[in-house]
């Protein structure tokens, strides 16, 4: 059946949907909507939009073409393959700050409920640079996105390093997302807790850095246990190390690995310092730090 050419298309009707401006400051607005579909040409770099749609790739594309200042949506309880939040990284690649509300804190399809009751569950790097944090009320996060100049949140290389424990003889445990961010002062001084894989190439970086010990990610083990082959290479060099179970913490986020991860494998020199499979990453890092210290 052919479409009635006299009727309006969905695209033509989108401008008829009301946009609820809930807060405004210096010409910058926070706009609440029930659907990402109603983000349109009225919304540009001055607007933070808060639609009660999931932030998958499809709605992210719909909104991104209008280049809003920021976006906060619903996480749809994350779901299979992380589909409910996959658009966060699509938006990150475009430099658009974005976050989602926890699906159990806010109703889907109800923008007002999301804005007033929602709690942030996930966010991308530009939103983090604006000061948004997990656990923050959506209304507070929306104000941060509105008030932070986008140039201040420009996407760049995200290098995170933190000393989380001081040990004897000047040694310490350092958490950083990648072994490529090991510093010269880490050589034979730091236990490095990182979130890259411990495969063949990872082992070469570890040997170059030559830390006091290391914990990296197992990459889900992968074909032929290639995600942890570096354990043998480092053991042959006398470097103690272990891997984070890929089902306990995400690859690429060493801070979650340190806080939430468990050990899936370790080499002989790490066992000599008291590390064991099943141990928490935090405990294993401590044992690598103090075990075998003269």
C-alpha atoms as a PDB file:
ATOM      1  CA  UNK A   1       0.000   0.000   0.000  1.00  0.00           C
ATOM      2  CA  UNK A   2       1.445   3.374  -0.935  1.00  0.00           C
ATOM      3  CA  UNK A   3       1.793   6.089   1.673  1.00  0.00           C
ATOM      4  CA  UNK A   4      -0.727   8.924   1.618  1.00  0.00           C
ATOM      5  CA  UNK A   5       1.358  11.804   0.327  1.00  0.00           C
ATOM      6  CA  UNK A   6      -0.935  14.225   2.083  1.00  0.00           C
ATOM      7  CA  UNK A   7      -0.024  12.915   5.519  1.00  0.00           C
ATOM      8  CA  UNK A   8       3.026  14.031   7.467  1.00  0.00           C
ATOM      9  CA  UNK A   9       5.967  11.702   7.888  1.00  0.00           C
ATOM     10  CA  UNK A  10       7.431  10.960  11.294  1.00  0.00           C
ATOM     11  CA  UNK A  11      10.367  13.195  10.439  1.00  0.00           C
ATOM     12  CA  UNK A  12       8.034  16.047   9.540  1.00  0.00           C
ATOM     13  CA  UNK A  13       6.103  15.627  12.785  1.00  0.00           C
ATOM     14  CA  UNK A  14       9.113  15.640  15.077  1.00  0.00           C
ATOM     15  CA  UNK A  15       9.068  19.411  15.534  1.00  0.00           C
ATOM     16  CA  UNK A  16       5.551  19.176  16.928  1.00  0.00           C
ATOM     17  CA  UNK A  17       6.759  17.366  20.048  1.00  0.00           C
ATOM     18  CA  UNK A  18       7.235  19.602  23.040  1.00  0.00           C
ATOM     19  CA  UNK A  19      10.654  19.940  24.604  1.00  0.00           C
ATOM     20  CA  UNK A  20      10.594  20.595  28.335  1.00  0.00           C
ATOM     21  CA  UNK A  21      13.237  23.171  29.264  1.00  0.00           C
ATOM     22  CA  UNK A  22      13.819  22.396  32.942  1.00  0.00           C
ATOM     23  CA  UNK A  23      16.782  24.666  33.570  1.00  0.00           C
ATOM     24  CA  UNK A  24      18.542  27.478  31.732  1.00  0.00           C
ATOM     25  CA  UNK A  25      21.660  29.476  32.422  1.00  0.00           C
ATOM     26  CA  UNK A  26      23.513  31.957  30.217  1.00  0.00           C
ATOM     27  CA  UNK A  27      21.596  30.753  27.192  1.00  0.00           C
ATOM     28  CA  UNK A  28      22.459  27.099  27.842  1.00  0.00           C
ATOM     29  CA  UNK A  29      19.526  24.795  28.444  1.00  0.00           C
ATOM     30  CA  UNK A  30      18.718  21.413  29.962  1.00  0.00           C
ATOM     31  CA  UNK A  31      15.912  19.801  27.984  1.00  0.00           C
ATOM     32  CA  UNK A  32      13.984  16.730  29.110  1.00  0.00           C
ATOM     33  CA  UNK A  33      12.289  14.461  26.565  1.00  0.00           C
ATOM     34  CA  UNK A  34      10.589  11.083  26.653  1.00  0.00           C
ATOM     35  CA  UNK A  35      12.417   9.878  23.529  1.00  0.00           C
ATOM     36  CA  UNK A  36      15.741  10.406  21.800  1.00  0.00           C
ATOM     37  CA  UNK A  37      13.713  10.702  18.594  1.00  0.00           C
ATOM     38  CA  UNK A  38      12.523  14.139  19.635  1.00  0.00           C
ATOM     39  CA  UNK A  39      16.032  15.592  19.751  1.00  0.00           C
ATOM     40  CA  UNK A  40      16.010  17.665  16.579  1.00  0.00           C
ATOM     41  CA  UNK A  41      17.272  20.773  14.846  1.00  0.00           C
ATOM     42  CA  UNK A  42      16.188  22.924  17.782  1.00  0.00           C
ATOM     43  CA  UNK A  43      18.945  21.323  19.866  1.00  0.00           C
ATOM     44  CA  UNK A  44      22.488  22.440  19.190  1.00  0.00           C
ATOM     45  CA  UNK A  45      25.635  23.063  21.202  1.00  0.00           C
ATOM     46  CA  UNK A  46      23.691  25.115  23.759  1.00  0.00           C
ATOM     47  CA  UNK A  47      21.513  22.193  24.898  1.00  0.00           C
ATOM     48  CA  UNK A  48      22.033  19.262  27.223  1.00  0.00           C
ATOM     49  CA  UNK A  49      19.335  16.777  26.251  1.00  0.00           C
ATOM     50  CA  UNK A  50      17.930  14.238  28.721  1.00  0.00           C
ATOM     51  CA  UNK A  51      15.843  11.677  26.804  1.00  0.00           C
ATOM     52  CA  UNK A  52      14.416   8.580  28.493  1.00  0.00           C
ATOM     53  CA  UNK A  53      15.640   6.323  25.676  1.00  0.00           C
ATOM     54  CA  UNK A  54      18.392   3.736  25.868  1.00  0.00           C
ATOM     55  CA  UNK A  55      21.751   5.037  24.698  1.00  0.00           C
ATOM     56  CA  UNK A  56      22.573   2.393  22.128  1.00  0.00           C
ATOM     57  CA  UNK A  57      24.258   3.193  18.840  1.00  0.00           C
ATOM     58  CA  UNK A  58      20.971   3.813  16.992  1.00  0.00           C
ATOM     59  CA  UNK A  59      19.604   6.576  19.280  1.00  0.00           C
ATOM     60  CA  UNK A  60      23.126   7.971  19.635  1.00  0.00           C
ATOM     61  CA  UNK A  61      23.257   8.424  15.863  1.00  0.00           C
ATOM     62  CA  UNK A  62      19.842  10.098  15.844  1.00  0.00           C
ATOM     63  CA  UNK A  63      20.975  12.658  18.397  1.00  0.00           C
ATOM     64  CA  UNK A  64      24.584  13.139  17.306  1.00  0.00           C
ATOM     65  CA  UNK A  65      23.658  14.663  13.953  1.00  0.00           C
ATOM     66  CA  UNK A  66      22.312  17.685  15.866  1.00  0.00           C
ATOM     67  CA  UNK A  67      25.502  18.014  17.982  1.00  0.00           C
ATOM     68  CA  UNK A  68      23.903  18.727  21.376  1.00  0.00           C
ATOM     69  CA  UNK A  69      26.113  19.968  24.188  1.00  0.00           C
ATOM     70  CA  UNK A  70      25.647  16.778  26.164  1.00  0.00           C
ATOM     71  CA  UNK A  71      23.367  13.760  26.480  1.00  0.00           C
ATOM     72  CA  UNK A  72      22.045  11.781  29.441  1.00  0.00           C
ATOM     73  CA  UNK A  73      19.772   8.828  28.722  1.00  0.00           C
ATOM     74  CA  UNK A  74      18.661   5.472  30.126  1.00  0.00           C
ATOM     75  CA  UNK A  75      20.937   2.410  30.345  1.00  0.00           C
ATOM     76  CA  UNK A  76      18.117  -0.142  29.701  1.00  0.00           C
ATOM     77  CA  UNK A  77      19.747  -2.208  32.471  1.00  0.00           C
ATOM     78  CA  UNK A  78      22.766  -2.589  30.131  1.00  0.00           C
ATOM     79  CA  UNK A  79      21.485  -5.827  28.539  1.00  0.00           C
ATOM     80  CA  UNK A  80      23.133  -8.353  26.242  1.00  0.00           C
ATOM     81  CA  UNK A  81      26.377  -7.210  24.635  1.00  0.00           C
ATOM     82  CA  UNK A  82      26.087  -3.933  26.572  1.00  0.00           C
ATOM     83  CA  UNK A  83      23.653  -2.728  23.930  1.00  0.00           C
ATOM     84  CA  UNK A  84      21.861  -0.333  26.277  1.00  0.00           C
ATOM     85  CA  UNK A  85      24.974   1.836  26.663  1.00  0.00           C
ATOM     86  CA  UNK A  86      26.937   1.125  23.457  1.00  0.00           C
ATOM     87  CA  UNK A  87      26.203   4.605  22.126  1.00  0.00           C
ATOM     88  CA  UNK A  88      28.301   6.197  24.875  1.00  0.00           C
ATOM     89  CA  UNK A  89      31.485   5.350  22.987  1.00  0.00           C
ATOM     90  CA  UNK A  90      30.025   6.288  19.621  1.00  0.00           C
ATOM     91  CA  UNK A  91      29.381   9.712  21.151  1.00  0.00           C
ATOM     92  CA  UNK A  92      32.812   9.762  22.784  1.00  0.00           C
ATOM     93  CA  UNK A  93      34.436   9.356  19.380  1.00  0.00           C
ATOM     94  CA  UNK A  94      32.547  12.472  18.288  1.00  0.00           C
ATOM     95  CA  UNK A  95      33.584  14.406  21.400  1.00  0.00           C
ATOM     96  CA  UNK A  96      30.042  14.581  22.831  1.00  0.00           C
ATOM     97  CA  UNK A  97      29.803  14.126  26.622  1.00  0.00           C
ATOM     98  CA  UNK A  98      27.227  11.459  27.455  1.00  0.00           C
ATOM     99  CA  UNK A  99      26.026   9.356  30.367  1.00  0.00           C
ATOM    100  CA  UNK A 100      23.239   6.979  31.310  1.00  0.00           C
ATOM    101  CA  UNK A 101      20.959   6.553  34.290  1.00  0.00           C
ATOM    102  CA  UNK A 102      20.704   3.235  36.105  1.00  0.00           C
ATOM    103  CA  UNK A 103      17.725   1.336  34.722  1.00  0.00           C
ATOM    104  CA  UNK A 104      16.438   0.591  38.209  1.00  0.00           C
ATOM    105  CA  UNK A 105      16.573   4.252  39.232  1.00  0.00           C
ATOM    106  CA  UNK A 106      14.486   5.731  36.402  1.00  0.00           C
ATOM    107  CA  UNK A 107      11.579   4.750  34.188  1.00  0.00           C
ATOM    108  CA  UNK A 108      12.121   4.186  30.484  1.00  0.00           C
ATOM    109  CA  UNK A 109      10.145   6.568  28.308  1.00  0.00           C
ATOM    110  CA  UNK A 110       9.567   9.014  31.173  1.00  0.00           C
ATOM    111  CA  UNK A 111      11.970  11.910  30.829  1.00  0.00           C
ATOM    112  CA  UNK A 112      10.843  13.717  33.972  1.00  0.00           C
ATOM    113  CA  UNK A 113      11.357  10.617  36.098  1.00  0.00           C
ATOM    114  CA  UNK A 114      14.797  10.095  34.609  1.00  0.00           C
ATOM    115  CA  UNK A 115      15.764  13.707  35.295  1.00  0.00           C
ATOM    116  CA  UNK A 116      14.435  13.896  38.854  1.00  0.00           C
ATOM    117  CA  UNK A 117      15.002  10.316  40.090  1.00  0.00           C
ATOM    118  CA  UNK A 118      17.778   8.917  37.895  1.00  0.00           C
ATOM    119  CA  UNK A 119      21.250   8.040  39.149  1.00  0.00           C
ATOM    120  CA  UNK A 120      24.241   7.914  36.812  1.00  0.00           C
ATOM    121  CA  UNK A 121      25.397   4.370  36.003  1.00  0.00           C
ATOM    122  CA  UNK A 122      27.829   4.786  33.094  1.00  0.00           C
ATOM    123  CA  UNK A 123      29.535   7.661  31.306  1.00  0.00           C
ATOM    124  CA  UNK A 124      32.053   8.350  28.567  1.00  0.00           C
ATOM    125  CA  UNK A 125      35.366  10.117  28.858  1.00  0.00           C
ATOM    126  CA  UNK A 126      34.193  13.609  27.783  1.00  0.00           C
ATOM    127  CA  UNK A 127      31.490  13.432  30.480  1.00  0.00           C
ATOM    128  CA  UNK A 128      34.087  12.346  33.023  1.00  0.00           C
ATOM    129  CA  UNK A 129      36.195  15.349  32.053  1.00  0.00           C
ATOM    130  CA  UNK A 130      33.160  17.521  32.821  1.00  0.00           C
ATOM    131  CA  UNK A 131      33.064  16.125  36.364  1.00  0.00           C
ATOM    132  CA  UNK A 132      30.251  13.598  35.987  1.00  0.00           C
ATOM    133  CA  UNK A 133      30.608  10.554  38.248  1.00  0.00           C
ATOM    134  CA  UNK A 134      28.857   7.217  38.683  1.00  0.00           C
ATOM    135  CA  UNK A 135      26.275   7.482  41.476  1.00  0.00           C
ATOM    136  CA  UNK A 136      25.592  11.172  40.842  1.00  0.00           C
ATOM    137  CA  UNK A 137      21.965  12.323  40.432  1.00  0.00           C
ATOM    138  CA  UNK A 138      21.065  12.910  36.786  1.00  0.00           C
ATOM    139  CA  UNK A 139      19.965  16.495  37.497  1.00  0.00           C
ATOM    140  CA  UNK A 140      23.363  17.299  39.001  1.00  0.00           C
ATOM    141  CA  UNK A 141      25.201  15.660  36.112  1.00  0.00           C
ATOM    142  CA  UNK A 142      23.105  17.576  33.577  1.00  0.00           C
ATOM    143  CA  UNK A 143      24.088  20.883  35.198  1.00  0.00           C
ATOM    144  CA  UNK A 144      27.771  19.935  34.988  1.00  0.00           C
ATOM    145  CA  UNK A 145      27.416  19.189  31.282  1.00  0.00           C
ATOM    146  CA  UNK A 146      25.593  22.478  30.787  1.00  0.00           C
ATOM    147  CA  UNK A 147      28.120  24.608  32.706  1.00  0.00           C
ATOM    148  CA  UNK A 148      31.411  23.067  31.530  1.00  0.00           C
ATOM    149  CA  UNK A 149      32.845  24.478  28.324  1.00  0.00           C
ATOM    150  CA  UNK A 150      33.228  21.691  25.799  1.00  0.00           C
ATOM    151  CA  UNK A 151      36.787  22.797  25.065  1.00  0.00           C
ATOM    152  CA  UNK A 152      37.589  21.900  28.669  1.00  0.00           C
ATOM    153  CA  UNK A 153      36.390  18.362  27.978  1.00  0.00           C
ATOM    154  CA  UNK A 154      38.222  17.851  24.707  1.00  0.00           C
ATOM    155  CA  UNK A 155      38.936  14.193  24.054  1.00  0.00           C
ATOM    156  CA  UNK A 156      42.586  13.295  24.381  1.00  0.00           C
ATOM    157  CA  UNK A 157      44.649  10.341  25.493  1.00  0.00           C
ATOM    158  CA  UNK A 158      43.351   9.235  28.868  1.00  0.00           C
ATOM    159  CA  UNK A 159      46.354   8.455  31.065  1.00  0.00           C
ATOM    160  CA  UNK A 160      45.429   7.445  34.605  1.00  0.00           C
ATOM    161  CA  UNK A 161      48.060   6.579  37.205  1.00  0.00           C
ATOM    162  CA  UNK A 162      47.683   6.322  40.950  1.00  0.00           C
ATOM    163  CA  UNK A 163      49.919   5.016  43.713  1.00  0.00           C
ATOM    164  CA  UNK A 164      47.561   2.876  45.806  1.00  0.00           C
ATOM    165  CA  UNK A 165      49.970   1.352  48.324  1.00  0.00           C
ATOM    166  CA  UNK A 166      53.411   2.204  49.674  1.00  0.00           C
ATOM    167  CA  UNK A 167      55.644  -0.722  50.569  1.00  0.00           C
ATOM    168  CA  UNK A 168      59.047  -1.211  52.180  1.00  0.00           C
ATOM    169  CA  UNK A 169      62.285   0.155  50.743  1.00  0.00           C
ATOM    170  CA  UNK A 170      60.578   2.788  48.608  1.00  0.00           C
ATOM    171  CA  UNK A 171      58.510   0.307  46.639  1.00  0.00           C
ATOM    172  CA  UNK A 172      54.869   0.964  45.762  1.00  0.00           C
ATOM    173  CA  UNK A 173      51.854  -0.373  43.888  1.00  0.00           C
ATOM    174  CA  UNK A 174      50.805   1.726  40.892  1.00  0.00           C
ATOM    175  CA  UNK A 175      47.498   1.328  39.065  1.00  0.00           C
ATOM    176  CA  UNK A 176      47.484   2.492  35.438  1.00  0.00           C
ATOM    177  CA  UNK A 177      45.354   1.374  32.518  1.00  0.00           C
ATOM    178  CA  UNK A 178      48.190   0.252  30.239  1.00  0.00           C
ATOM    179  CA  UNK A 179      51.714  -1.063  30.630  1.00  0.00           C
ATOM    180  CA  UNK A 180      52.770   1.428  27.955  1.00  0.00           C
ATOM    181  CA  UNK A 181      52.333   4.076  30.663  1.00  0.00           C
ATOM    182  CA  UNK A 182      55.009   2.588  32.861  1.00  0.00           C
ATOM    183  CA  UNK A 183      57.541   5.266  33.823  1.00  0.00           C
ATOM    184  CA  UNK A 184      61.320   4.849  34.108  1.00  0.00           C
ATOM    185  CA  UNK A 185      61.018   5.167  37.887  1.00  0.00           C
ATOM    186  CA  UNK A 186      58.835   2.041  37.940  1.00  0.00           C
ATOM    187  CA  UNK A 187      61.792  -0.185  37.091  1.00  0.00           C
ATOM    188  CA  UNK A 188      62.342  -2.647  39.954  1.00  0.00           C
ATOM    189  CA  UNK A 189      60.320  -0.273  42.155  1.00  0.00           C
ATOM    190  CA  UNK A 190      56.624  -0.590  41.291  1.00  0.00           C
ATOM    191  CA  UNK A 191      54.095  -3.363  41.209  1.00  0.00           C
ATOM    192  CA  UNK A 192      52.146  -2.326  38.127  1.00  0.00           C
ATOM    193  CA  UNK A 193      48.445  -3.203  38.039  1.00  0.00           C
ATOM    194  CA  UNK A 194      47.335  -2.607  34.468  1.00  0.00           C
ATOM    195  CA  UNK A 195      44.430  -3.626  32.229  1.00  0.00           C
ATOM    196  CA  UNK A 196      46.002  -4.635  28.940  1.00  0.00           C
ATOM    197  CA  UNK A 197      46.367  -8.283  27.952  1.00  0.00           C
ATOM    198  CA  UNK A 198      49.288 -10.480  28.991  1.00  0.00           C
ATOM    199  CA  UNK A 199      49.913 -11.964  25.566  1.00  0.00           C
ATOM    200  CA  UNK A 200      53.081 -11.972  23.505  1.00  0.00           C
ATOM    201  CA  UNK A 201      53.191  -8.242  22.792  1.00  0.00           C
ATOM    202  CA  UNK A 202      52.157  -7.402  26.353  1.00  0.00           C
ATOM    203  CA  UNK A 203      55.101  -9.439  27.641  1.00  0.00           C
ATOM    204  CA  UNK A 204      57.533  -7.411  25.534  1.00  0.00           C
ATOM    205  CA  UNK A 205      56.293  -4.188  27.140  1.00  0.00           C
ATOM    206  CA  UNK A 206      56.568  -5.767  30.593  1.00  0.00           C
ATOM    207  CA  UNK A 207      60.149  -6.871  30.029  1.00  0.00           C
ATOM    208  CA  UNK A 208      61.031  -3.396  28.779  1.00  0.00           C
ATOM    209  CA  UNK A 209      59.443  -1.737  31.837  1.00  0.00           C
ATOM    210  CA  UNK A 210      61.030  -4.303  34.221  1.00  0.00           C
ATOM    211  CA  UNK A 211      58.820  -3.507  37.241  1.00  0.00           C
ATOM    212  CA  UNK A 212      59.049  -5.119  40.702  1.00  0.00           C
ATOM    213  CA  UNK A 213      55.972  -7.151  39.727  1.00  0.00           C
ATOM    214  CA  UNK A 214      52.868  -6.886  37.598  1.00  0.00           C
ATOM    215  CA  UNK A 215      49.217  -7.801  37.268  1.00  0.00           C
ATOM    216  CA  UNK A 216      47.672  -7.459  33.804  1.00  0.00           C
ATOM    217  CA  UNK A 217      44.446  -8.739  32.209  1.00  0.00           C
ATOM    218  CA  UNK A 218      43.973 -12.234  30.828  1.00  0.00           C
ATOM    219  CA  UNK A 219      42.055 -11.067  27.742  1.00  0.00           C
ATOM    220  CA  UNK A 220      39.520 -13.792  28.370  1.00  0.00           C
ATOM    221  CA  UNK A 221      42.416 -16.254  27.881  1.00  0.00           C
ATOM    222  CA  UNK A 222      41.528 -16.430  24.129  1.00  0.00           C
ATOM    223  CA  UNK A 223      42.734 -18.960  21.537  1.00  0.00           C
ATOM    224  CA  UNK A 224      45.547 -21.192  22.772  1.00  0.00           C
ATOM    225  CA  UNK A 225      45.480 -19.232  26.055  1.00  0.00           C
ATOM    226  CA  UNK A 226      47.256 -16.487  24.142  1.00  0.00           C
ATOM    227  CA  UNK A 227      45.955 -13.845  26.551  1.00  0.00           C
ATOM    228  CA  UNK A 228      48.338 -15.100  29.248  1.00  0.00           C
ATOM    229  CA  UNK A 229      51.338 -16.442  27.298  1.00  0.00           C
ATOM    230  CA  UNK A 230      53.368 -13.550  28.667  1.00  0.00           C
ATOM    231  CA  UNK A 231      53.350 -15.180  32.089  1.00  0.00           C
ATOM    232  CA  UNK A 232      55.858 -17.776  30.900  1.00  0.00           C
ATOM    233  CA  UNK A 233      58.000 -15.210  29.096  1.00  0.00           C
ATOM    234  CA  UNK A 234      58.183 -13.044  32.208  1.00  0.00           C
ATOM    235  CA  UNK A 235      58.767 -16.071  34.441  1.00  0.00           C
ATOM    236  CA  UNK A 236      61.791 -16.994  32.301  1.00  0.00           C
ATOM    237  CA  UNK A 237      63.116 -13.482  33.009  1.00  0.00           C
ATOM    238  CA  UNK A 238      62.412 -13.801  36.741  1.00  0.00           C
ATOM    239  CA  UNK A 239      59.648 -11.199  36.684  1.00  0.00           C
ATOM    240  CA  UNK A 240      56.718 -12.044  39.003  1.00  0.00           C
ATOM    241  CA  UNK A 241      53.283 -11.538  37.494  1.00  0.00           C
ATOM    242  CA  UNK A 242      49.640 -12.551  37.450  1.00  0.00           C
ATOM    243  CA  UNK A 243      46.508 -11.943  35.404  1.00  0.00           C
ATOM    244  CA  UNK A 244      43.052 -10.547  36.117  1.00  0.00           C
ATOM    245  CA  UNK A 245      40.140 -12.876  35.369  1.00  0.00           C
ATOM    246  CA  UNK A 246      38.296 -11.408  32.396  1.00  0.00           C
ATOM    247  CA  UNK A 247      34.943 -12.302  33.930  1.00  0.00           C
ATOM    248  CA  UNK A 248      35.709 -10.408  37.135  1.00  0.00           C
ATOM    249  CA  UNK A 249      36.752  -7.029  35.708  1.00  0.00           C
ATOM    250  CA  UNK A 250      36.743  -5.391  32.255  1.00  0.00           C
ATOM    251  CA  UNK A 251      39.814  -5.223  30.093  1.00  0.00           C
ATOM    252  CA  UNK A 252      41.097  -1.663  29.725  1.00  0.00           C
ATOM    253  CA  UNK A 253      40.087  -0.420  33.203  1.00  0.00           C
ATOM    254  CA  UNK A 254      42.845  -1.118  35.703  1.00  0.00           C
ATOM    255  CA  UNK A 255      41.066   0.713  38.506  1.00  0.00           C
ATOM    256  CA  UNK A 256      38.098  -1.645  38.328  1.00  0.00           C
ATOM    257  CA  UNK A 257      40.540  -4.505  37.968  1.00  0.00           C
ATOM    258  CA  UNK A 258      42.236  -3.493  41.213  1.00  0.00           C
ATOM    259  CA  UNK A 259      38.964  -2.914  43.049  1.00  0.00           C
ATOM    260  CA  UNK A 260      36.882  -5.823  41.705  1.00  0.00           C
ATOM    261  CA  UNK A 261      39.151  -8.309  39.979  1.00  0.00           C
ATOM    262  CA  UNK A 262      40.318 -11.783  40.924  1.00  0.00           C
ATOM    263  CA  UNK A 263      43.425 -13.638  39.809  1.00  0.00           C
ATOM    264  CA  UNK A 264      43.012 -16.167  36.996  1.00  0.00           C
ATOM    265  CA  UNK A 265      46.648 -17.228  36.559  1.00  0.00           C
ATOM    266  CA  UNK A 266      50.122 -16.436  37.836  1.00  0.00           C
ATOM    267  CA  UNK A 267      53.702 -17.427  37.150  1.00  0.00           C
ATOM    268  CA  UNK A 268      56.202 -19.184  39.382  1.00  0.00           C
ATOM    269  CA  UNK A 269      57.987 -16.060  40.651  1.00  0.00           C
ATOM    270  CA  UNK A 270      54.581 -14.627  41.693  1.00  0.00           C
ATOM    271  CA  UNK A 271      53.710 -17.862  43.505  1.00  0.00           C
ATOM    272  CA  UNK A 272      56.992 -17.512  45.382  1.00  0.00           C
ATOM    273  CA  UNK A 273      55.702 -14.188  46.722  1.00  0.00           C
ATOM    274  CA  UNK A 274      52.428 -15.774  47.868  1.00  0.00           C
ATOM    275  CA  UNK A 275      50.118 -15.074  44.931  1.00  0.00           C
ATOM    276  CA  UNK A 276      47.482 -17.709  44.148  1.00  0.00           C
ATOM    277  CA  UNK A 277      44.675 -18.205  41.630  1.00  0.00           C
ATOM    278  CA  UNK A 278      41.303 -17.008  43.000  1.00  0.00           C
ATOM    279  CA  UNK A 279      42.868 -14.328  45.181  1.00  0.00           C
ATOM    280  CA  UNK A 280      41.601 -10.765  44.853  1.00  0.00           C
ATOM    281  CA  UNK A 281      43.758  -8.506  42.721  1.00  0.00           C
ATOM    282  CA  UNK A 282      44.189  -6.145  45.665  1.00  0.00           C
ATOM    283  CA  UNK A 283      45.551  -8.929  47.868  1.00  0.00           C
ATOM    284  CA  UNK A 284      47.751 -10.287  45.091  1.00  0.00           C
ATOM    285  CA  UNK A 285      49.200  -6.823  44.453  1.00  0.00           C
ATOM    286  CA  UNK A 286      49.999  -6.492  48.153  1.00  0.00           C
ATOM    287  CA  UNK A 287      51.780  -9.846  48.179  1.00  0.00           C
ATOM    288  CA  UNK A 288      53.765  -8.942  45.088  1.00  0.00           C
ATOM    289  CA  UNK A 289      54.731  -5.705  46.814  1.00  0.00           C
ATOM    290  CA  UNK A 290      55.940  -7.087  50.140  1.00  0.00           C
ATOM    291  CA  UNK A 291      56.770 -10.730  49.348  1.00  0.00           C
ATOM    292  CA  UNK A 292      60.426 -11.407  48.768  1.00  0.00           C
ATOM    293  CA  UNK A 293      61.473  -7.956  49.966  1.00  0.00           C
ATOM    294  CA  UNK A 294      64.882  -8.045  51.674  1.00  0.00           C
END
